[in-house]
Amino acid sequence: MAELRGAVVGAAEFQLDCDFGRDGGRPTHPGPQAWILTMAVAEPHRGQGVGRALVTEVARRARDAGRTFLALVPQDGDDVAGRETFFHAVGFAPIEPDRPGAAWGSPVTQILDKGA
């Protein structure tokens, strides 16, 4: 959870031990994986560093759990371009850019370097 002046302004749900997609024919992602399952930031607080702080905290926890790679699969919805800009800004890159529902991911160290 991300709080500002006592109010929740963002949240992330994540899994620290995940081999997402390997059985479904997705390519092998490097190293032990962690996945962001869901993440949201309240509209009035977007663009203020809340999302970056959430991703950075998940990356810290992933590193502390011995994970070397963090990924997510974007959900459908509005503002695809804005989400993709955010993903790039925090260090993610598309893993399978030509596949519908493509996962995005990055080595945990890269995310931590960008979040510092």
C-alpha atoms as a PDB file:
ATOM      1  CA  MET A   1       0.000   0.000   0.000  1.00  0.00           C
ATOM      2  CA  ALA A   2       1.041   3.563  -0.635  1.00  0.00           C
ATOM      3  CA  GLU A   3      -0.339   6.136   1.767  1.00  0.00           C
ATOM      4  CA  LEU A   4      -0.296   9.910   1.663  1.00  0.00           C
ATOM      5  CA  ARG A   5      -1.486  11.910   4.667  1.00  0.00           C
ATOM      6  CA  GLY A   6      -3.305   8.848   6.033  1.00  0.00           C
ATOM      7  CA  ALA A   7      -5.140   7.976   2.803  1.00  0.00           C
ATOM      8  CA  VAL A   8      -4.385   4.993   0.578  1.00  0.00           C
ATOM      9  CA  VAL A   9      -3.360   6.333  -2.840  1.00  0.00           C
ATOM     10  CA  GLY A  10      -1.980   3.164  -4.424  1.00  0.00           C
ATOM     11  CA  ALA A  11      -1.558  -0.562  -3.994  1.00  0.00           C
ATOM     12  CA  ALA A  12       0.335  -3.457  -5.537  1.00  0.00           C
ATOM     13  CA  GLU A  13      -0.351  -7.178  -5.238  1.00  0.00           C
ATOM     14  CA  PHE A  14       2.626  -9.363  -6.078  1.00  0.00           C
ATOM     15  CA  GLN A  15       3.954 -12.894  -5.892  1.00  0.00           C
ATOM     16  CA  LEU A  16       7.578 -13.484  -4.953  1.00  0.00           C
ATOM     17  CA  ASP A  17       7.838 -17.017  -6.346  1.00  0.00           C
ATOM     18  CA  CYS A  18       6.398 -17.464  -9.809  1.00  0.00           C
ATOM     19  CA  ASP A  19       7.284 -19.248 -13.042  1.00  0.00           C
ATOM     20  CA  PHE A  20       4.507 -17.544 -14.968  1.00  0.00           C
ATOM     21  CA  GLY A  21       3.898 -18.893 -18.418  1.00  0.00           C
ATOM     22  CA  ARG A  22       6.645 -21.476 -18.708  1.00  0.00           C
ATOM     23  CA  ASP A  23       4.113 -24.303 -18.946  1.00  0.00           C
ATOM     24  CA  GLY A  24       2.033 -22.233 -21.387  1.00  0.00           C
ATOM     25  CA  GLY A  25       4.802 -21.920 -23.949  1.00  0.00           C
ATOM     26  CA  ARG A  26       6.130 -18.527 -22.898  1.00  0.00           C
ATOM     27  CA  PRO A  27       9.875 -18.117 -23.137  1.00  0.00           C
ATOM     28  CA  THR A  28      11.959 -18.782 -20.095  1.00  0.00           C
ATOM     29  CA  HIS A  29      12.616 -15.607 -18.167  1.00  0.00           C
ATOM     30  CA  PRO A  30      16.080 -15.278 -16.669  1.00  0.00           C
ATOM     31  CA  GLY A  31      16.548 -16.254 -13.062  1.00  0.00           C
ATOM     32  CA  PRO A  32      14.083 -16.678 -10.219  1.00  0.00           C
ATOM     33  CA  GLN A  33      11.006 -14.556 -10.893  1.00  0.00           C
ATOM     34  CA  ALA A  34       8.646 -12.323  -8.986  1.00  0.00           C
ATOM     35  CA  TRP A  35       5.463 -10.971 -10.557  1.00  0.00           C
ATOM     36  CA  ILE A  36       3.319  -7.920 -10.006  1.00  0.00           C
ATOM     37  CA  LEU A  37      -0.199  -9.299 -10.268  1.00  0.00           C
ATOM     38  CA  THR A  38      -2.145  -6.057  -9.853  1.00  0.00           C
ATOM     39  CA  MET A  39      -1.160  -2.456  -9.327  1.00  0.00           C
ATOM     40  CA  ALA A  40      -3.230   0.713  -9.148  1.00  0.00           C
ATOM     41  CA  VAL A  41      -2.668   4.353  -8.297  1.00  0.00           C
ATOM     42  CA  ALA A  42      -5.565   6.726  -7.597  1.00  0.00           C
ATOM     43  CA  GLU A  43      -6.082   9.051 -10.573  1.00  0.00           C
ATOM     44  CA  PRO A  44      -5.313  12.321  -8.726  1.00  0.00           C
ATOM     45  CA  HIS A  45      -1.958  10.897  -7.567  1.00  0.00           C
ATOM     46  CA  ARG A  46      -0.648   9.616 -10.895  1.00  0.00           C
ATOM     47  CA  GLY A  47       2.533  11.236 -12.121  1.00  0.00           C
ATOM     48  CA  GLN A  48       3.679  11.994  -8.568  1.00  0.00           C
ATOM     49  CA  GLY A  49       6.000   9.025  -8.003  1.00  0.00           C
ATOM     50  CA  VAL A  50       3.493   6.745  -6.250  1.00  0.00           C
ATOM     51  CA  GLY A  51       3.646   4.037  -8.938  1.00  0.00           C
ATOM     52  CA  ARG A  52       7.439   4.213  -9.080  1.00  0.00           C
ATOM     53  CA  ALA A  53       7.601   3.866  -5.282  1.00  0.00           C
ATOM     54  CA  LEU A  54       5.328   0.800  -5.400  1.00  0.00           C
ATOM     55  CA  VAL A  55       7.365  -0.906  -8.140  1.00  0.00           C
ATOM     56  CA  THR A  56      10.616  -0.068  -6.344  1.00  0.00           C
ATOM     57  CA  GLU A  57       9.314  -1.547  -3.076  1.00  0.00           C
ATOM     58  CA  VAL A  58       8.210  -4.747  -4.842  1.00  0.00           C
ATOM     59  CA  ALA A  59      11.662  -4.944  -6.467  1.00  0.00           C
ATOM     60  CA  ARG A  60      13.354  -4.531  -3.053  1.00  0.00           C
ATOM     61  CA  ARG A  61      11.244  -7.319  -1.597  1.00  0.00           C
ATOM     62  CA  ALA A  62      11.943  -9.498  -4.643  1.00  0.00           C
ATOM     63  CA  ARG A  63      15.697  -8.924  -4.258  1.00  0.00           C
ATOM     64  CA  ASP A  64      15.516  -9.705  -0.535  1.00  0.00           C
ATOM     65  CA  ALA A  65      13.700 -12.976  -1.382  1.00  0.00           C
ATOM     66  CA  GLY A  66      16.468 -13.968  -3.813  1.00  0.00           C
ATOM     67  CA  ARG A  67      14.552 -13.131  -7.003  1.00  0.00           C
ATOM     68  CA  THR A  68      16.489 -11.651  -9.899  1.00  0.00           C
ATOM     69  CA  PHE A  69      13.685 -10.834 -12.364  1.00  0.00           C
ATOM     70  CA  LEU A  70      10.428  -8.900 -11.928  1.00  0.00           C
ATOM     71  CA  ALA A  71       7.597  -8.928 -14.456  1.00  0.00           C
ATOM     72  CA  LEU A  72       3.945  -8.123 -15.008  1.00  0.00           C
ATOM     73  CA  VAL A  73       1.257  -8.543 -17.644  1.00  0.00           C
ATOM     74  CA  PRO A  74      -0.622  -5.294 -18.312  1.00  0.00           C
ATOM     75  CA  GLN A  75      -4.380  -5.456 -18.003  1.00  0.00           C
ATOM     76  CA  ASP A  76      -6.597  -4.247 -20.804  1.00  0.00           C
ATOM     77  CA  GLY A  77      -8.136  -0.827 -20.441  1.00  0.00           C
ATOM     78  CA  ASP A  78      -7.767   2.819 -21.235  1.00  0.00           C
ATOM     79  CA  ASP A  79      -4.507   4.755 -21.527  1.00  0.00           C
ATOM     80  CA  VAL A  80      -2.335   1.975 -22.909  1.00  0.00           C
ATOM     81  CA  ALA A  81       0.243   4.545 -24.071  1.00  0.00           C
ATOM     82  CA  GLY A  82       0.440   6.069 -20.585  1.00  0.00           C
ATOM     83  CA  ARG A  83       0.964   2.692 -18.959  1.00  0.00           C
ATOM     84  CA  GLU A  84       3.655   1.740 -21.469  1.00  0.00           C
ATOM     85  CA  THR A  85       5.441   5.050 -20.837  1.00  0.00           C
ATOM     86  CA  PHE A  86       5.332   4.308 -17.104  1.00  0.00           C
ATOM     87  CA  PHE A  87       6.610   0.739 -17.563  1.00  0.00           C
ATOM     88  CA  HIS A  88       9.581   2.007 -19.587  1.00  0.00           C
ATOM     89  CA  ALA A  89      10.285   4.752 -17.034  1.00  0.00           C
ATOM     90  CA  VAL A  90      10.591   2.265 -14.154  1.00  0.00           C
ATOM     91  CA  GLY A  91      12.800  -0.105 -16.155  1.00  0.00           C
ATOM     92  CA  PHE A  92      10.442  -2.660 -17.692  1.00  0.00           C
ATOM     93  CA  ALA A  93      10.608  -3.716 -21.335  1.00  0.00           C
ATOM     94  CA  PRO A  94       8.275  -5.966 -23.342  1.00  0.00           C
ATOM     95  CA  ILE A  95       9.353  -9.594 -23.140  1.00  0.00           C
ATOM     96  CA  GLU A  96       7.268 -10.753 -26.108  1.00  0.00           C
ATOM     97  CA  PRO A  97       6.311  -7.567 -27.961  1.00  0.00           C
ATOM     98  CA  ASP A  98       4.459  -9.285 -30.823  1.00  0.00           C
ATOM     99  CA  ARG A  99       2.308 -11.534 -28.651  1.00  0.00           C
ATOM    100  CA  PRO A 100      -1.107 -10.355 -27.394  1.00  0.00           C
ATOM    101  CA  GLY A 101      -1.052  -9.963 -23.627  1.00  0.00           C
ATOM    102  CA  ALA A 102       2.720  -9.636 -23.728  1.00  0.00           C
ATOM    103  CA  ALA A 103       4.513  -9.658 -20.420  1.00  0.00           C
ATOM    104  CA  TRP A 104       6.872  -6.855 -19.450  1.00  0.00           C
ATOM    105  CA  GLY A 105       9.868  -7.462 -17.235  1.00  0.00           C
ATOM    106  CA  SER A 106      13.309  -6.493 -16.099  1.00  0.00           C
ATOM    107  CA  PRO A 107      16.161  -7.639 -13.922  1.00  0.00           C
ATOM    108  CA  VAL A 108      15.423  -6.501 -10.369  1.00  0.00           C
ATOM    109  CA  THR A 109      18.727  -4.601 -10.202  1.00  0.00           C
ATOM    110  CA  GLN A 110      17.727  -2.464 -13.189  1.00  0.00           C
ATOM    111  CA  ILE A 111      14.445  -1.485 -11.546  1.00  0.00           C
ATOM    112  CA  LEU A 112      16.210  -0.646  -8.299  1.00  0.00           C
ATOM    113  CA  ASP A 113      18.766   1.482 -10.157  1.00  0.00           C
ATOM    114  CA  LYS A 114      15.971   3.501 -11.795  1.00  0.00           C
ATOM    115  CA  GLY A 115      13.995   3.833  -8.567  1.00  0.00           C
ATOM    116  CA  ALA A 116      16.867   5.073  -6.443  1.00  0.00           C
END
